[in-house]
Amino acid sequence: MNVKIWIVVFLLPFTMFSQQKLLSPMKEATLILRNNTILNGFARIMSNYKIIFKKDKNSKKEKYDAKQVKQLIVFEEEGESKFEYKKSGKKGKYLLLNIIVEGKCLFIS
């Protein structure tokens, strides 16, 4: 019984953190589409690597994915974070990755 309680207590912060990350508020962002259209507004990254985007806080939500988006720039208190879709593995699934350092070589996470 005590082991179960300790497991729950240990895992609870991790599940709460992941929930908080998924349910995070929309942040100011710039969305660059594959046809080079630039959209300014608010965005949230979902767990399935899709982007929820609104042009302003009262507008309708729109979903974007790898077929439409070239780059997402999210503006935060610490600065800006850039995200790009990259193909992963043999199946060719696209992942939305954070670009840490740009240049001749990309460092992504």
N, C-alpha and C. Protein backbone atom coordinates (compact mmCIF):
# COMPACT_ATOMS: atom_id res chain seq x y z
N MET A 1 0.82 -1.19 0.00
CA MET A 1 0.00 0.00 0.00
C MET A 1 0.87 1.26 0.00
N ASN A 2 1.89 1.29 0.87
CA ASN A 2 2.77 2.45 0.94
C ASN A 2 3.52 2.67 -0.37
N VAL A 3 3.88 1.58 -1.03
CA VAL A 3 4.61 1.69 -2.30
C VAL A 3 3.74 2.37 -3.35
N LYS A 4 2.47 2.03 -3.40
CA LYS A 4 1.56 2.64 -4.36
C LYS A 4 1.42 4.13 -4.11
N ILE A 5 1.31 4.50 -2.86
CA ILE A 5 1.19 5.92 -2.51
C ILE A 5 2.44 6.68 -2.93
N TRP A 6 3.62 6.12 -2.66
CA TRP A 6 4.86 6.78 -3.04
C TRP A 6 5.01 6.90 -4.55
N ILE A 7 4.56 5.90 -5.27
CA ILE A 7 4.62 5.97 -6.74
C ILE A 7 3.72 7.10 -7.24
N VAL A 8 2.52 7.20 -6.69
CA VAL A 8 1.61 8.27 -7.10
C VAL A 8 2.20 9.64 -6.76
N VAL A 9 2.73 9.77 -5.55
CA VAL A 9 3.33 11.05 -5.12
C VAL A 9 4.53 11.40 -6.01
N PHE A 10 5.30 10.41 -6.40
CA PHE A 10 6.47 10.65 -7.23
C PHE A 10 6.08 11.04 -8.66
N LEU A 11 5.06 10.39 -9.22
CA LEU A 11 4.67 10.63 -10.61
C LEU A 11 3.74 11.82 -10.78
N LEU A 12 3.08 12.27 -9.75
CA LEU A 12 2.13 13.36 -9.85
C LEU A 12 2.73 14.65 -10.42
N PRO A 13 3.90 15.10 -9.96
CA PRO A 13 4.47 16.33 -10.54
C PRO A 13 4.76 16.20 -12.04
N PHE A 14 5.18 15.02 -12.49
CA PHE A 14 5.47 14.84 -13.92
C PHE A 14 4.20 14.94 -14.75
N THR A 15 3.12 14.33 -14.27
CA THR A 15 1.87 14.39 -15.03
C THR A 15 1.30 15.80 -15.00
N MET A 16 1.44 16.49 -13.89
CA MET A 16 0.95 17.86 -13.81
C MET A 16 1.73 18.76 -14.75
N PHE A 17 3.05 18.57 -14.83
CA PHE A 17 3.87 19.38 -15.72
C PHE A 17 3.49 19.15 -17.18
N SER A 18 3.27 17.90 -17.56
CA SER A 18 2.92 17.61 -18.94
C SER A 18 1.54 18.17 -19.27
N GLN A 19 0.61 18.13 -18.34
CA GLN A 19 -0.71 18.71 -18.56
C GLN A 19 -0.59 20.22 -18.72
N GLN A 20 0.22 20.84 -17.90
CA GLN A 20 0.39 22.29 -17.96
C GLN A 20 0.98 22.69 -19.31
N LYS A 21 1.92 21.92 -19.81
CA LYS A 21 2.55 22.22 -21.08
C LYS A 21 1.55 22.09 -22.22
N LEU A 22 0.69 21.08 -22.18
CA LEU A 22 -0.30 20.88 -23.23
C LEU A 22 -1.40 21.93 -23.18
N LEU A 23 -1.76 22.34 -21.98
CA LEU A 23 -2.85 23.28 -21.82
C LEU A 23 -2.34 24.71 -21.63
N SER A 24 -1.14 24.98 -22.08
CA SER A 24 -0.55 26.29 -21.89
C SER A 24 -1.34 27.34 -22.67
N PRO A 25 -1.30 28.57 -22.20
CA PRO A 25 -2.04 29.62 -22.90
C PRO A 25 -1.42 29.94 -24.27
N MET A 26 -2.21 30.52 -25.12
CA MET A 26 -1.72 30.93 -26.43
C MET A 26 -0.67 32.02 -26.21
N LYS A 27 0.42 31.93 -26.97
CA LYS A 27 1.50 32.91 -26.86
C LYS A 27 1.61 33.68 -28.17
N GLU A 28 2.09 34.90 -28.06
CA GLU A 28 2.28 35.72 -29.25
C GLU A 28 3.26 35.02 -30.18
N ALA A 29 2.92 34.97 -31.47
CA ALA A 29 3.73 34.19 -32.41
C ALA A 29 3.60 34.72 -33.83
N THR A 30 4.57 34.30 -34.65
CA THR A 30 4.54 34.55 -36.08
C THR A 30 4.60 33.20 -36.77
N LEU A 31 3.70 32.98 -37.71
CA LEU A 31 3.61 31.73 -38.44
C LEU A 31 4.01 32.00 -39.88
N ILE A 32 5.01 31.28 -40.37
CA ILE A 32 5.46 31.44 -41.76
C ILE A 32 5.02 30.18 -42.51
N LEU A 33 4.14 30.39 -43.47
CA LEU A 33 3.59 29.26 -44.22
C LEU A 33 4.51 28.88 -45.38
N ARG A 34 4.27 27.72 -45.97
CA ARG A 34 5.10 27.22 -47.08
C ARG A 34 5.01 28.10 -48.33
N ASN A 35 3.90 28.82 -48.49
CA ASN A 35 3.77 29.74 -49.63
C ASN A 35 4.33 31.13 -49.31
N ASN A 36 5.12 31.22 -48.22
CA ASN A 36 5.79 32.44 -47.74
C ASN A 36 4.85 33.51 -47.21
N THR A 37 3.61 33.15 -46.90
CA THR A 37 2.69 34.06 -46.23
C THR A 37 3.10 34.14 -44.76
N ILE A 38 3.10 35.35 -44.21
CA ILE A 38 3.46 35.55 -42.80
C ILE A 38 2.22 35.97 -42.04
N LEU A 39 1.89 35.20 -40.99
CA LEU A 39 0.74 35.49 -40.15
C LEU A 39 1.21 35.85 -38.75
N ASN A 40 0.73 36.95 -38.22
CA ASN A 40 1.03 37.35 -36.85
C ASN A 40 -0.20 37.14 -35.99
N GLY A 41 0.00 36.63 -34.78
CA GLY A 41 -1.12 36.38 -33.89
C GLY A 41 -0.68 35.63 -32.66
N PHE A 42 -1.48 34.62 -32.29
CA PHE A 42 -1.22 33.82 -31.09
C PHE A 42 -1.25 32.34 -31.46
N ALA A 43 -0.32 31.57 -30.86
CA ALA A 43 -0.21 30.15 -31.21
C ALA A 43 0.01 29.29 -29.99
N ARG A 44 -0.35 28.02 -30.15
CA ARG A 44 -0.10 26.99 -29.14
C ARG A 44 0.29 25.72 -29.89
N ILE A 45 1.31 25.02 -29.41
CA ILE A 45 1.73 23.75 -30.02
C ILE A 45 1.03 22.63 -29.28
N MET A 46 0.35 21.77 -30.02
CA MET A 46 -0.37 20.65 -29.43
C MET A 46 0.54 19.43 -29.35
N SER A 47 0.12 18.42 -28.61
CA SER A 47 0.94 17.23 -28.39
C SER A 47 1.12 16.41 -29.67
N ASN A 48 0.25 16.57 -30.65
CA ASN A 48 0.37 15.83 -31.90
C ASN A 48 1.14 16.62 -32.97
N TYR A 49 1.92 17.59 -32.53
CA TYR A 49 2.77 18.43 -33.39
C TYR A 49 1.98 19.32 -34.33
N LYS A 50 0.73 19.57 -34.01
CA LYS A 50 -0.05 20.52 -34.78
C LYS A 50 -0.04 21.86 -34.06
N ILE A 51 -0.30 22.91 -34.80
CA ILE A 51 -0.28 24.25 -34.26
C ILE A 51 -1.70 24.82 -34.29
N ILE A 52 -2.14 25.34 -33.15
CA ILE A 52 -3.40 26.06 -33.06
C ILE A 52 -3.03 27.54 -33.16
N PHE A 53 -3.66 28.26 -34.09
CA PHE A 53 -3.30 29.65 -34.34
C PHE A 53 -4.55 30.52 -34.38
N LYS A 54 -4.45 31.72 -33.78
CA LYS A 54 -5.51 32.72 -33.83
C LYS A 54 -4.88 34.04 -34.24
N LYS A 55 -5.53 34.77 -35.14
CA LYS A 55 -5.00 36.07 -35.57
C LYS A 55 -5.07 37.10 -34.46
N ASP A 56 -6.12 37.04 -33.64
CA ASP A 56 -6.21 37.85 -32.43
C ASP A 56 -6.96 37.04 -31.38
N LYS A 57 -7.03 37.55 -30.17
CA LYS A 57 -7.57 36.76 -29.07
C LYS A 57 -9.04 36.40 -29.25
N ASN A 58 -9.77 37.18 -30.03
CA ASN A 58 -11.21 36.92 -30.21
C ASN A 58 -11.53 36.18 -31.50
N SER A 59 -10.54 35.90 -32.32
CA SER A 59 -10.81 35.25 -33.61
C SER A 59 -10.93 33.74 -33.45
N LYS A 60 -11.38 33.09 -34.52
CA LYS A 60 -11.58 31.64 -34.52
C LYS A 60 -10.23 30.91 -34.59
N LYS A 61 -10.13 29.76 -33.90
CA LYS A 61 -8.92 28.95 -33.93
C LYS A 61 -8.78 28.26 -35.28
N GLU A 62 -7.54 28.20 -35.77
CA GLU A 62 -7.23 27.48 -37.00
C GLU A 62 -6.12 26.49 -36.69
N LYS A 63 -6.20 25.28 -37.29
CA LYS A 63 -5.17 24.26 -37.09
C LYS A 63 -4.25 24.23 -38.29
N TYR A 64 -2.95 24.13 -38.01
CA TYR A 64 -1.93 24.03 -39.05
C TYR A 64 -1.05 22.83 -38.76
N ASP A 65 -0.47 22.25 -39.82
CA ASP A 65 0.44 21.11 -39.66
C ASP A 65 1.62 21.26 -40.62
N ALA A 66 2.39 20.19 -40.76
CA ALA A 66 3.63 20.21 -41.56
C ALA A 66 3.38 20.51 -43.03
N LYS A 67 2.20 20.20 -43.54
CA LYS A 67 1.91 20.44 -44.94
C LYS A 67 1.79 21.93 -45.26
N GLN A 68 1.45 22.73 -44.24
CA GLN A 68 1.20 24.14 -44.46
C GLN A 68 2.27 25.07 -43.90
N VAL A 69 2.97 24.64 -42.84
CA VAL A 69 3.85 25.53 -42.09
C VAL A 69 5.32 25.30 -42.42
N LYS A 70 6.03 26.39 -42.66
CA LYS A 70 7.48 26.33 -42.84
C LYS A 70 8.17 26.57 -41.49
N GLN A 71 7.72 27.59 -40.75
CA GLN A 71 8.38 27.93 -39.48
C GLN A 71 7.40 28.63 -38.54
N LEU A 72 7.59 28.41 -37.25
CA LEU A 72 6.81 29.08 -36.21
C LEU A 72 7.80 29.79 -35.30
N ILE A 73 7.53 31.06 -35.03
CA ILE A 73 8.36 31.83 -34.09
C ILE A 73 7.45 32.25 -32.94
N VAL A 74 7.80 31.80 -31.73
CA VAL A 74 7.01 32.10 -30.53
C VAL A 74 7.79 33.11 -29.69
N PHE A 75 7.11 34.19 -29.30
CA PHE A 75 7.75 35.24 -28.51
C PHE A 75 7.42 35.02 -27.04
N GLU A 76 8.48 34.86 -26.24
CA GLU A 76 8.32 34.61 -24.81
C GLU A 76 9.10 35.65 -24.04
N GLU A 77 8.98 35.62 -22.72
CA GLU A 77 9.70 36.58 -21.87
C GLU A 77 11.21 36.45 -22.03
N GLU A 78 11.70 35.22 -22.21
CA GLU A 78 13.14 34.98 -22.33
C GLU A 78 13.67 35.33 -23.71
N GLY A 79 12.80 35.55 -24.67
CA GLY A 79 13.22 35.81 -26.04
C GLY A 79 12.31 35.04 -26.99
N GLU A 80 12.79 34.81 -28.19
CA GLU A 80 11.97 34.09 -29.15
C GLU A 80 12.46 32.66 -29.34
N SER A 81 11.52 31.78 -29.62
CA SER A 81 11.84 30.38 -29.91
C SER A 81 11.36 30.08 -31.32
N LYS A 82 12.24 29.47 -32.12
CA LYS A 82 11.90 29.12 -33.49
C LYS A 82 11.67 27.62 -33.58
N PHE A 83 10.63 27.24 -34.33
CA PHE A 83 10.27 25.84 -34.53
C PHE A 83 10.14 25.57 -36.02
N GLU A 84 10.59 24.39 -36.44
CA GLU A 84 10.43 23.96 -37.82
C GLU A 84 10.03 22.50 -37.83
N TYR A 85 9.28 22.12 -38.87
CA TYR A 85 8.94 20.71 -39.06
C TYR A 85 10.10 20.01 -39.76
N LYS A 86 10.49 18.86 -39.23
CA LYS A 86 11.54 18.03 -39.83
C LYS A 86 11.03 16.61 -39.96
N LYS A 87 11.37 15.96 -41.07
CA LYS A 87 10.96 14.58 -41.30
C LYS A 87 11.78 13.65 -40.41
N SER A 88 11.11 12.66 -39.83
CA SER A 88 11.77 11.77 -38.89
C SER A 88 11.57 10.31 -39.29
N GLY A 89 12.65 9.55 -39.27
CA GLY A 89 12.58 8.11 -39.46
C GLY A 89 12.17 7.64 -40.84
N LYS A 90 12.04 6.34 -40.96
CA LYS A 90 11.71 5.71 -42.23
C LYS A 90 10.26 5.98 -42.65
N LYS A 91 9.37 6.14 -41.68
CA LYS A 91 7.96 6.37 -41.99
C LYS A 91 7.71 7.78 -42.49
N GLY A 92 8.66 8.67 -42.29
CA GLY A 92 8.53 10.03 -42.78
C GLY A 92 7.57 10.90 -41.99
N LYS A 93 7.37 10.59 -40.72
CA LYS A 93 6.51 11.40 -39.87
C LYS A 93 7.21 12.74 -39.59
N TYR A 94 6.46 13.82 -39.62
CA TYR A 94 7.03 15.14 -39.35
C TYR A 94 6.91 15.47 -37.87
N LEU A 95 7.99 16.00 -37.31
CA LEU A 95 8.03 16.45 -35.93
C LEU A 95 8.28 17.95 -35.92
N LEU A 96 7.67 18.65 -34.99
CA LEU A 96 7.89 20.08 -34.83
C LEU A 96 9.02 20.25 -33.81
N LEU A 97 10.18 20.69 -34.29
CA LEU A 97 11.38 20.74 -33.45
C LEU A 97 11.80 22.18 -33.17
N ASN A 98 12.32 22.40 -31.97
CA ASN A 98 12.80 23.71 -31.55
C ASN A 98 14.22 23.91 -32.08
N ILE A 99 14.45 24.99 -32.82
CA ILE A 99 15.78 25.30 -33.33
C ILE A 99 16.53 26.05 -32.25
N ILE A 100 17.64 25.47 -31.79
CA ILE A 100 18.42 26.09 -30.71
C ILE A 100 19.47 27.02 -31.29
N VAL A 101 20.21 26.56 -32.30
CA VAL A 101 21.26 27.36 -32.93
C VAL A 101 21.12 27.21 -34.44
N GLU A 102 21.09 28.34 -35.15
CA GLU A 102 21.00 28.33 -36.61
C GLU A 102 22.36 28.64 -37.21
N GLY A 103 22.59 28.15 -38.38
CA GLY A 103 23.84 28.40 -39.09
C GLY A 103 24.02 27.32 -40.14
N LYS A 104 25.29 26.96 -40.42
CA LYS A 104 25.55 25.90 -41.37
C LYS A 104 25.00 24.57 -40.86
N CYS A 105 25.00 24.43 -39.54
CA CYS A 105 24.50 23.23 -38.89
C CYS A 105 23.38 23.65 -37.93
N LEU A 106 22.26 22.94 -37.94
CA LEU A 106 21.16 23.24 -37.03
C LEU A 106 21.26 22.40 -35.77
N PHE A 107 21.10 23.02 -34.63
CA PHE A 107 20.98 22.30 -33.37
C PHE A 107 19.51 22.39 -32.96
N ILE A 108 18.88 21.22 -32.87
CA ILE A 108 17.44 21.17 -32.58
C ILE A 108 17.16 20.29 -31.39
N SER A 109 16.00 20.51 -30.78
CA SER A 109 15.60 19.65 -29.67
C SER A 109 14.14 19.31 -29.81
